[in-house]
Amino acid sequence: MHRIGFREKNMSTLPQISPGSAGVLLIHGLTGTPNELRFVARGLKAAGFEAECVRLAGHCGTEADLLATGWKDWFASVEQAADALRAKVKHLFVGGLSMGAVLAIKYAIEHPDKVDGLGLYGTTFFYDGWSIPWEGRHLTFLFPLVIALGFGRKKRFMETWPYGIKNERLRQAITSKMHAGDSEAAGLPGNPWPSLEQFYRLAADVQKKLHRVQAPAIAVHAREDDVASLANVHIIQRRFAGSVETVILADSYHMVTVDQEKGILVDRSVDFFSRIVARAAREKSA
């Protein structure tokens, strides 16, 4: 999601690290686009980080493109992009928005020796926010069975107000592109049921292995998240083996990387990643 300018006034206050020292791979959400993380990437780059936004397999195209892929394809996109970035930097951080955060956790589980830290933004293991209808919050466990029986393959869960965005001007700009069919800029307007079923398979796989996450993490979540409640953050806090630094935003909805407090998210992420890099440097010189 673009047309989001980086606040120049923040640049002088951000910690600076040496070029090539660290990189951050950013992962968008289900039916989303890399534009969801562009503002964050710019903030990280201003602080000296290498920052790249991966495009997940099947995304930024048609619904048919998305349906031709599953969660293993999406994760393969992350692995390829993360490994390429890791080859260019000394320290690798992986972050993501919504389902992208779950994929970041998955990478840390499968490749613990390659990840120095995690940035988890609006982490979503299940859709239970205040804007999600009752059936969406309580009947998701039936998705695998429904899809396996051949039902619902042409159904989709359409996004509705407030579309994860509290800022009204930004919400209007993004939703107009979404409904105009500009999926490359704003993503698809709905989640196909088969893709949601794949998401829940991914989330279930990751939740079973959360105790294996050793990497330190910063978890940024909106108190009024309309898509994924704070219960998703509580799962991380309880089950991670590594430390979790939690930031709760008071004036945003689900899309915390583009909404009203995105500057806070960038500042806290830069500070968190920079501290890890600095600590590693101290330990090396000790």
Protein backbone atom coordinates (compact mmCIF):
# COMPACT_ATOMS: atom_id res chain seq x y z
CA MET A 1 0.00 0.00 0.00
CA HIS A 2 1.72 3.16 -1.13
CA ARG A 3 1.40 6.94 -1.04
CA ILE A 4 2.77 6.84 2.47
CA GLY A 5 5.58 9.33 2.98
CA PHE A 6 8.41 8.76 5.42
CA ARG A 7 8.58 11.45 8.09
CA GLU A 8 11.93 13.16 7.49
CA LYS A 9 11.89 14.65 10.99
CA ASN A 10 12.40 11.16 12.42
CA MET A 11 15.59 10.43 10.49
CA SER A 12 17.97 12.38 12.73
CA THR A 13 16.71 10.62 15.86
CA LEU A 14 17.14 7.07 14.59
CA PRO A 15 20.18 5.04 15.64
CA GLN A 16 22.64 4.47 12.81
CA ILE A 17 24.43 1.21 12.04
CA SER A 18 27.23 0.61 9.58
CA PRO A 19 26.26 -0.28 5.97
CA GLY A 20 26.08 -4.02 5.34
CA SER A 21 25.94 -4.78 9.04
CA ALA A 22 22.30 -5.88 9.18
CA GLY A 23 19.31 -6.48 6.95
CA VAL A 24 15.57 -6.85 7.51
CA LEU A 25 13.29 -8.94 5.32
CA LEU A 26 9.67 -7.75 5.48
CA ILE A 27 6.72 -10.01 4.62
CA HIS A 28 3.20 -8.87 3.71
CA GLY A 29 -0.06 -10.51 4.67
CA LEU A 30 -2.55 -12.81 2.95
CA THR A 31 -3.93 -11.21 -0.26
CA GLY A 32 -1.70 -8.21 0.49
CA THR A 33 1.26 -6.62 -1.27
CA PRO A 34 4.82 -5.48 -0.42
CA ASN A 35 3.46 -1.92 -0.34
CA GLU A 36 2.12 -2.69 3.14
CA LEU A 37 5.73 -2.59 4.39
CA ARG A 38 7.25 0.18 2.21
CA PHE A 39 7.09 2.82 4.93
CA VAL A 40 8.79 0.50 7.40
CA ALA A 41 11.46 -0.39 4.83
CA ARG A 42 12.22 3.29 4.23
CA GLY A 43 12.59 3.93 7.94
CA LEU A 44 14.94 0.99 8.35
CA LYS A 45 17.03 2.08 5.39
CA ALA A 46 17.29 5.58 6.84
CA ALA A 47 18.91 3.99 9.90
CA GLY A 48 21.43 2.06 7.82
CA PHE A 49 19.71 -1.31 7.50
CA GLU A 50 19.34 -3.21 4.29
CA ALA A 51 15.58 -3.67 3.95
CA GLU A 52 13.66 -5.69 1.40
CA CYS A 53 9.95 -6.44 0.98
CA VAL A 54 9.29 -9.89 -0.43
CA ARG A 55 6.34 -10.62 -2.71
CA LEU A 56 4.75 -13.92 -1.78
CA ALA A 57 3.98 -16.49 -4.46
CA GLY A 58 0.56 -16.01 -6.05
CA HIS A 59 0.11 -12.47 -4.73
CA CYS A 60 -0.24 -9.11 -6.51
CA GLY A 61 -2.14 -10.75 -9.36
CA THR A 62 -5.56 -12.29 -9.85
CA GLU A 63 -7.53 -14.46 -7.48
CA ALA A 64 -6.70 -17.41 -9.74
CA ASP A 65 -2.99 -16.69 -9.24
CA LEU A 66 -3.46 -16.84 -5.48
CA LEU A 67 -5.54 -20.02 -5.61
CA ALA A 68 -2.78 -21.74 -7.59
CA THR A 69 -0.53 -21.48 -4.52
CA GLY A 70 -0.59 -22.62 -0.91
CA TRP A 71 1.19 -21.84 2.33
CA LYS A 72 4.23 -23.93 1.42
CA ASP A 73 4.67 -21.85 -1.73
CA TRP A 74 4.37 -18.65 0.32
CA PHE A 75 6.96 -19.92 2.77
CA ALA A 76 9.28 -20.90 -0.08
CA SER A 77 9.15 -17.25 -1.21
CA VAL A 78 10.27 -16.19 2.26
CA GLU A 79 13.10 -18.72 2.40
CA GLN A 80 14.46 -17.67 -0.97
CA ALA A 81 14.35 -13.96 -0.19
CA ALA A 82 15.73 -14.35 3.34
CA ASP A 83 18.62 -16.51 2.24
CA ALA A 84 19.52 -14.02 -0.51
CA LEU A 85 19.51 -11.12 1.96
CA ARG A 86 21.41 -13.11 4.59
CA ALA A 87 24.23 -13.59 2.10
CA LYS A 88 24.72 -9.80 1.95
CA VAL A 89 24.66 -8.90 5.65
CA LYS A 90 26.14 -9.99 8.97
CA HIS A 91 22.87 -9.97 10.87
CA LEU A 92 19.44 -10.92 9.52
CA PHE A 93 16.11 -9.84 10.96
CA VAL A 94 12.80 -11.09 9.61
CA GLY A 95 9.54 -9.23 10.10
CA GLY A 96 6.03 -9.28 8.78
CA LEU A 97 2.48 -7.97 8.99
CA SER A 98 -0.46 -10.20 9.89
CA MET A 99 0.12 -13.57 8.17
CA GLY A 100 3.54 -12.21 7.22
CA ALA A 101 4.45 -12.24 10.91
CA VAL A 102 3.46 -15.90 11.11
CA LEU A 103 5.69 -16.65 8.12
CA ALA A 104 8.53 -14.77 9.83
CA ILE A 105 8.09 -16.94 12.90
CA LYS A 106 8.05 -20.02 10.68
CA TYR A 107 11.39 -18.99 9.20
CA ALA A 108 12.88 -18.54 12.68
CA ILE A 109 11.64 -22.00 13.65
CA GLU A 110 13.05 -23.72 10.60
CA HIS A 111 16.29 -21.70 10.37
CA PRO A 112 17.22 -20.65 13.93
CA ASP A 113 20.89 -20.20 13.03
CA LYS A 114 20.10 -17.61 10.37
CA VAL A 115 17.84 -15.21 12.31
CA ASP A 116 19.05 -12.60 14.80
CA GLY A 117 15.62 -11.21 15.66
CA LEU A 118 11.98 -10.87 14.64
CA GLY A 119 9.66 -7.93 13.96
CA LEU A 120 6.06 -9.09 14.44
CA TYR A 121 3.41 -6.58 13.41
CA GLY A 122 -0.28 -7.32 13.91
CA THR A 123 0.53 -11.01 14.23
CA THR A 124 -2.44 -13.13 13.20
CA PHE A 125 -2.88 -16.78 14.15
CA PHE A 126 -6.64 -16.47 13.93
CA TYR A 127 -9.14 -13.80 12.90
CA ASP A 128 -10.89 -12.73 16.08
CA GLY A 129 -10.95 -8.93 15.94
CA TRP A 130 -14.03 -6.84 16.62
CA SER A 131 -14.90 -6.41 12.92
CA ILE A 132 -14.90 -10.15 12.17
CA PRO A 133 -18.42 -11.69 12.05
CA TRP A 134 -19.35 -14.42 14.52
CA GLU A 135 -18.95 -17.28 12.05
CA GLY A 136 -15.53 -16.01 11.05
CA ARG A 137 -14.39 -16.08 14.67
CA HIS A 138 -15.94 -19.38 15.77
CA LEU A 139 -16.24 -21.70 12.78
CA THR A 140 -12.75 -21.48 11.30
CA PHE A 141 -11.89 -24.96 12.57
CA LEU A 142 -14.31 -26.30 9.94
CA PHE A 143 -12.40 -24.79 7.00
CA PRO A 144 -10.14 -27.79 6.29
CA LEU A 145 -13.12 -30.18 6.34
CA VAL A 146 -15.29 -27.92 4.18
CA ILE A 147 -12.58 -27.49 1.55
CA ALA A 148 -11.64 -31.18 1.63
CA LEU A 149 -15.27 -32.08 0.89
CA GLY A 150 -15.22 -29.78 -2.13
CA PHE A 151 -17.43 -27.04 -0.71
CA GLY A 152 -16.67 -23.33 -0.63
CA ARG A 153 -14.00 -23.39 -3.32
CA LYS A 154 -15.62 -20.40 -5.03
CA LYS A 155 -16.52 -18.53 -1.88
CA ARG A 156 -14.55 -15.68 -0.39
CA PHE A 157 -14.55 -13.64 2.79
CA MET A 158 -14.85 -10.04 1.62
CA GLU A 159 -13.04 -7.35 3.55
CA THR A 160 -15.32 -4.75 5.12
CA TRP A 161 -15.08 -1.48 7.03
CA PRO A 162 -12.73 -0.38 8.51
CA TYR A 163 -10.36 -2.52 6.38
CA GLY A 164 -7.76 -2.58 9.13
CA ILE A 165 -7.09 1.16 8.88
CA LYS A 166 -8.15 3.85 11.35
CA ASN A 167 -6.86 6.79 9.28
CA GLU A 168 -9.90 7.70 7.16
CA ARG A 169 -8.01 9.44 4.35
CA LEU A 170 -5.60 6.54 3.93
CA ARG A 171 -8.42 4.01 4.15
CA GLN A 172 -10.27 5.72 1.31
CA ALA A 173 -7.17 5.88 -0.89
CA ILE A 174 -6.35 2.21 -0.42
CA THR A 175 -9.85 0.77 -0.64
CA SER A 176 -10.57 2.69 -3.83
CA LYS A 177 -7.56 1.03 -5.45
CA MET A 178 -8.53 -2.34 -4.04
CA HIS A 179 -12.06 -2.23 -5.41
CA ALA A 180 -10.82 -0.84 -8.71
CA GLY A 181 -8.90 -4.09 -9.20
CA ASP A 182 -5.41 -2.70 -8.61
CA SER A 183 -4.24 -5.78 -6.70
CA GLU A 184 -0.57 -4.96 -7.21
CA ALA A 185 -0.99 -1.71 -5.28
CA ALA A 186 -3.62 -2.61 -2.69
CA GLY A 187 -4.18 -6.38 -2.77
CA LEU A 188 -7.36 -8.35 -3.35
CA PRO A 189 -10.66 -7.17 -1.81
CA GLY A 190 -11.47 -10.61 -0.43
CA ASN A 191 -9.91 -13.79 0.94
CA PRO A 192 -10.85 -16.91 -1.05
CA TRP A 193 -11.90 -19.74 1.25
CA PRO A 194 -9.25 -22.17 -0.06
CA SER A 195 -6.55 -19.58 0.67
CA LEU A 196 -7.94 -19.02 4.16
CA GLU A 197 -7.82 -22.77 4.67
CA GLN A 198 -4.14 -22.70 3.69
CA PHE A 199 -3.55 -19.84 6.13
CA TYR A 200 -5.08 -21.81 8.98
CA ARG A 201 -2.92 -24.81 8.13
CA LEU A 202 0.14 -22.56 8.33
CA ALA A 203 -1.00 -21.01 11.61
CA ALA A 204 -1.66 -24.43 13.15
CA ASP A 205 1.76 -25.71 12.08
CA VAL A 206 3.52 -22.67 13.54
CA GLN A 207 1.61 -22.65 16.83
CA LYS A 208 2.68 -26.23 17.54
CA LYS A 209 6.33 -25.18 17.32
CA LEU A 210 6.38 -21.77 19.03
CA HIS A 211 8.42 -23.16 21.91
CA ARG A 212 11.29 -23.56 19.47
CA VAL A 213 11.61 -19.83 18.75
CA GLN A 214 14.88 -18.69 20.31
CA ALA A 215 15.28 -15.37 18.48
CA PRO A 216 14.34 -12.20 20.40
CA ALA A 217 11.23 -10.52 19.04
CA ILE A 218 9.47 -7.19 19.07
CA ALA A 219 5.70 -7.55 18.78
CA VAL A 220 3.75 -4.43 17.76
CA HIS A 221 -0.03 -4.71 17.92
CA ALA A 222 -2.99 -2.34 18.03
CA ARG A 223 -5.10 -2.39 21.17
CA GLU A 224 -8.19 -1.96 18.96
CA ASP A 225 -7.09 -4.34 16.22
CA ASP A 226 -10.21 -5.00 14.18
CA VAL A 227 -8.88 -8.21 12.61
CA ALA A 228 -6.72 -9.98 15.21
CA SER A 229 -7.18 -9.32 18.92
CA LEU A 230 -4.43 -9.03 21.52
CA ALA A 231 -4.94 -12.74 22.24
CA ASN A 232 -2.62 -13.35 19.28
CA VAL A 233 0.16 -11.43 21.02
CA HIS A 234 -0.48 -13.26 24.29
CA ILE A 235 0.22 -16.55 22.50
CA ILE A 236 3.65 -15.24 21.50
CA GLN A 237 4.38 -13.96 24.99
CA ARG A 238 3.50 -17.29 26.60
CA ARG A 239 5.12 -19.72 24.19
CA PHE A 240 8.29 -18.17 22.78
CA ALA A 241 11.53 -19.47 24.26
CA GLY A 242 13.19 -16.18 23.35
CA SER A 243 12.42 -12.76 24.79
CA VAL A 244 9.45 -10.74 23.52
CA GLU A 245 9.32 -6.94 23.68
CA THR A 246 5.70 -5.86 23.27
CA VAL A 247 4.47 -2.49 21.96
CA ILE A 248 0.72 -1.82 22.14
CA LEU A 249 -0.53 1.03 19.94
CA ALA A 250 -3.52 3.08 21.13
CA ASP A 251 -4.57 4.84 17.91
CA SER A 252 -4.36 2.26 15.12
CA TYR A 253 -6.22 -0.72 13.72
CA HIS A 254 -4.82 -3.93 12.20
CA MET A 255 -2.58 -2.44 9.49
CA VAL A 256 -0.09 -1.02 11.97
CA THR A 257 2.63 -0.66 9.32
CA VAL A 258 0.61 1.98 7.45
CA ASP A 259 -1.82 3.38 10.00
CA GLN A 260 -1.61 6.42 12.28
CA GLU A 261 1.22 5.22 14.54
CA LYS A 262 3.48 3.75 11.86
CA GLY A 263 6.23 6.17 12.91
CA ILE A 264 6.27 4.68 16.39
CA LEU A 265 6.49 1.20 14.89
CA VAL A 266 9.51 2.21 12.81
CA ASP A 267 11.28 3.95 15.70
CA ARG A 268 10.79 1.05 18.09
CA SER A 269 11.82 -1.50 15.45
CA VAL A 270 15.00 0.40 14.58
CA ASP A 271 15.86 0.71 18.25
CA PHE A 272 15.19 -3.00 18.90
CA PHE A 273 17.21 -4.29 15.94
CA SER A 274 20.04 -1.81 16.61
CA ARG A 275 20.37 -2.97 20.21
CA ILE A 276 20.78 -6.56 19.05
CA VAL A 277 23.47 -5.57 16.54
CA ALA A 278 25.29 -3.51 19.18
CA ARG A 279 25.13 -6.33 21.72
CA ALA A 280 26.57 -8.78 19.19
CA ALA A 281 29.42 -6.35 18.48
CA ARG A 282 30.20 -6.01 22.20
CA GLU A 283 30.19 -9.77 22.70
CA LYS A 284 32.54 -10.23 19.75
CA SER A 285 35.02 -7.69 21.08
CA ALA A 286 34.89 -8.94 24.67
